[in-house]
């Protein structure tokens, strides 16, 4: 699993929640604008994989698939 995916999962753990908005998830990219753009790509990939579920208004919720993906 790449570093950015790990940072995204770590944000959920740090905030002690299963739902975060995209603005918060951008923190995984730090202050680098290109890394923040990559966050959008990684979040979209996690949605396609079923690890995150879109909840509207740029909110995303972790699904039970997280464990399976982290163990790959």
C-alpha atoms as a PDB file:
ATOM      1  CA  UNK A   1       0.000   0.000   0.000  1.00  0.00           C
ATOM      2  CA  UNK A   2       1.442   3.355  -0.970  1.00  0.00           C
ATOM      3  CA  UNK A   3       2.322   6.060   1.527  1.00  0.00           C
ATOM      4  CA  UNK A   4      -0.539   8.404   0.626  1.00  0.00           C
ATOM      5  CA  UNK A   5      -3.131   5.673   1.217  1.00  0.00           C
ATOM      6  CA  UNK A   6      -1.580   5.024   4.623  1.00  0.00           C
ATOM      7  CA  UNK A   7      -1.745   8.737   5.453  1.00  0.00           C
ATOM      8  CA  UNK A   8      -5.426   8.836   4.499  1.00  0.00           C
ATOM      9  CA  UNK A   9      -6.200   5.877   6.776  1.00  0.00           C
ATOM     10  CA  UNK A  10      -4.130   7.475   9.537  1.00  0.00           C
ATOM     11  CA  UNK A  11      -6.294  10.616   9.353  1.00  0.00           C
ATOM     12  CA  UNK A  12      -9.400   8.539  10.059  1.00  0.00           C
ATOM     13  CA  UNK A  13      -7.598   6.976  13.027  1.00  0.00           C
ATOM     14  CA  UNK A  14      -6.305  10.306  14.358  1.00  0.00           C
ATOM     15  CA  UNK A  15      -9.736  11.919  14.144  1.00  0.00           C
ATOM     16  CA  UNK A  16     -11.319   8.798  15.690  1.00  0.00           C
ATOM     17  CA  UNK A  17     -14.100   8.745  13.118  1.00  0.00           C
ATOM     18  CA  UNK A  18     -15.214   6.705  10.127  1.00  0.00           C
ATOM     19  CA  UNK A  19     -16.383   9.784   8.179  1.00  0.00           C
ATOM     20  CA  UNK A  20     -14.267  12.689   6.955  1.00  0.00           C
ATOM     21  CA  UNK A  21     -14.692  15.431   4.397  1.00  0.00           C
ATOM     22  CA  UNK A  22     -12.386  15.916   1.437  1.00  0.00           C
ATOM     23  CA  UNK A  23     -10.945  19.094   2.933  1.00  0.00           C
ATOM     24  CA  UNK A  24      -9.672  17.094   5.912  1.00  0.00           C
ATOM     25  CA  UNK A  25      -8.394  14.304   3.660  1.00  0.00           C
ATOM     26  CA  UNK A  26      -6.289  16.879   1.789  1.00  0.00           C
ATOM     27  CA  UNK A  27      -4.128  17.008   4.929  1.00  0.00           C
ATOM     28  CA  UNK A  28      -2.654  13.664   3.813  1.00  0.00           C
ATOM     29  CA  UNK A  29      -1.002  15.598   0.980  1.00  0.00           C
ATOM     30  CA  UNK A  30       0.488  18.214   3.275  1.00  0.00           C
ATOM     31  CA  UNK A  31       1.110  21.674   1.827  1.00  0.00           C
ATOM     32  CA  UNK A  32       2.175  20.445  -1.615  1.00  0.00           C
ATOM     33  CA  UNK A  33      -0.538  21.319  -4.189  1.00  0.00           C
ATOM     34  CA  UNK A  34       0.434  18.380  -6.410  1.00  0.00           C
ATOM     35  CA  UNK A  35       0.219  15.952  -3.488  1.00  0.00           C
ATOM     36  CA  UNK A  36      -3.221  17.337  -2.627  1.00  0.00           C
ATOM     37  CA  UNK A  37      -4.337  16.680  -6.203  1.00  0.00           C
ATOM     38  CA  UNK A  38      -3.067  13.136  -5.818  1.00  0.00           C
ATOM     39  CA  UNK A  39      -5.274  12.789  -2.708  1.00  0.00           C
ATOM     40  CA  UNK A  40      -8.296  13.226  -4.985  1.00  0.00           C
ATOM     41  CA  UNK A  41      -7.027  10.411  -7.213  1.00  0.00           C
ATOM     42  CA  UNK A  42      -6.353   8.103  -4.260  1.00  0.00           C
ATOM     43  CA  UNK A  43      -9.748   8.828  -2.687  1.00  0.00           C
ATOM     44  CA  UNK A  44     -11.444   8.076  -6.027  1.00  0.00           C
ATOM     45  CA  UNK A  45      -9.505   4.798  -6.247  1.00  0.00           C
ATOM     46  CA  UNK A  46     -10.510   3.856  -2.689  1.00  0.00           C
ATOM     47  CA  UNK A  47     -14.155   4.516  -3.623  1.00  0.00           C
ATOM     48  CA  UNK A  48     -13.814   2.256  -6.699  1.00  0.00           C
ATOM     49  CA  UNK A  49     -12.268  -0.444  -4.496  1.00  0.00           C
ATOM     50  CA  UNK A  50     -15.136  -0.166  -2.020  1.00  0.00           C
ATOM     51  CA  UNK A  51     -12.887   0.993   0.829  1.00  0.00           C
ATOM     52  CA  UNK A  52     -14.512   4.419   1.015  1.00  0.00           C
ATOM     53  CA  UNK A  53     -18.136   5.246   0.368  1.00  0.00           C
ATOM     54  CA  UNK A  54     -19.242   8.664  -0.866  1.00  0.00           C
ATOM     55  CA  UNK A  55     -21.751  10.293   1.469  1.00  0.00           C
ATOM     56  CA  UNK A  56     -22.403  13.509  -0.455  1.00  0.00           C
ATOM     57  CA  UNK A  57     -21.123  17.035   0.094  1.00  0.00           C
ATOM     58  CA  UNK A  58     -17.527  15.732  -0.218  1.00  0.00           C
ATOM     59  CA  UNK A  59     -17.832  13.394   2.790  1.00  0.00           C
ATOM     60  CA  UNK A  60     -16.408   9.874   2.729  1.00  0.00           C
ATOM     61  CA  UNK A  61     -16.969   6.954   5.084  1.00  0.00           C
ATOM     62  CA  UNK A  62     -14.702   3.970   5.650  1.00  0.00           C
ATOM     63  CA  UNK A  63     -16.234   0.600   4.849  1.00  0.00           C
ATOM     64  CA  UNK A  64     -15.389  -2.830   6.202  1.00  0.00           C
ATOM     65  CA  UNK A  65     -13.149  -3.354   3.139  1.00  0.00           C
ATOM     66  CA  UNK A  66     -10.422  -1.254   4.782  1.00  0.00           C
ATOM     67  CA  UNK A  67      -8.990  -4.219   6.672  1.00  0.00           C
ATOM     68  CA  UNK A  68      -8.717  -6.327   3.527  1.00  0.00           C
ATOM     69  CA  UNK A  69      -6.933  -3.550   1.628  1.00  0.00           C
ATOM     70  CA  UNK A  70      -4.497  -2.780   4.456  1.00  0.00           C
ATOM     71  CA  UNK A  71      -3.506  -6.437   4.659  1.00  0.00           C
ATOM     72  CA  UNK A  72      -2.568  -6.617   0.967  1.00  0.00           C
END
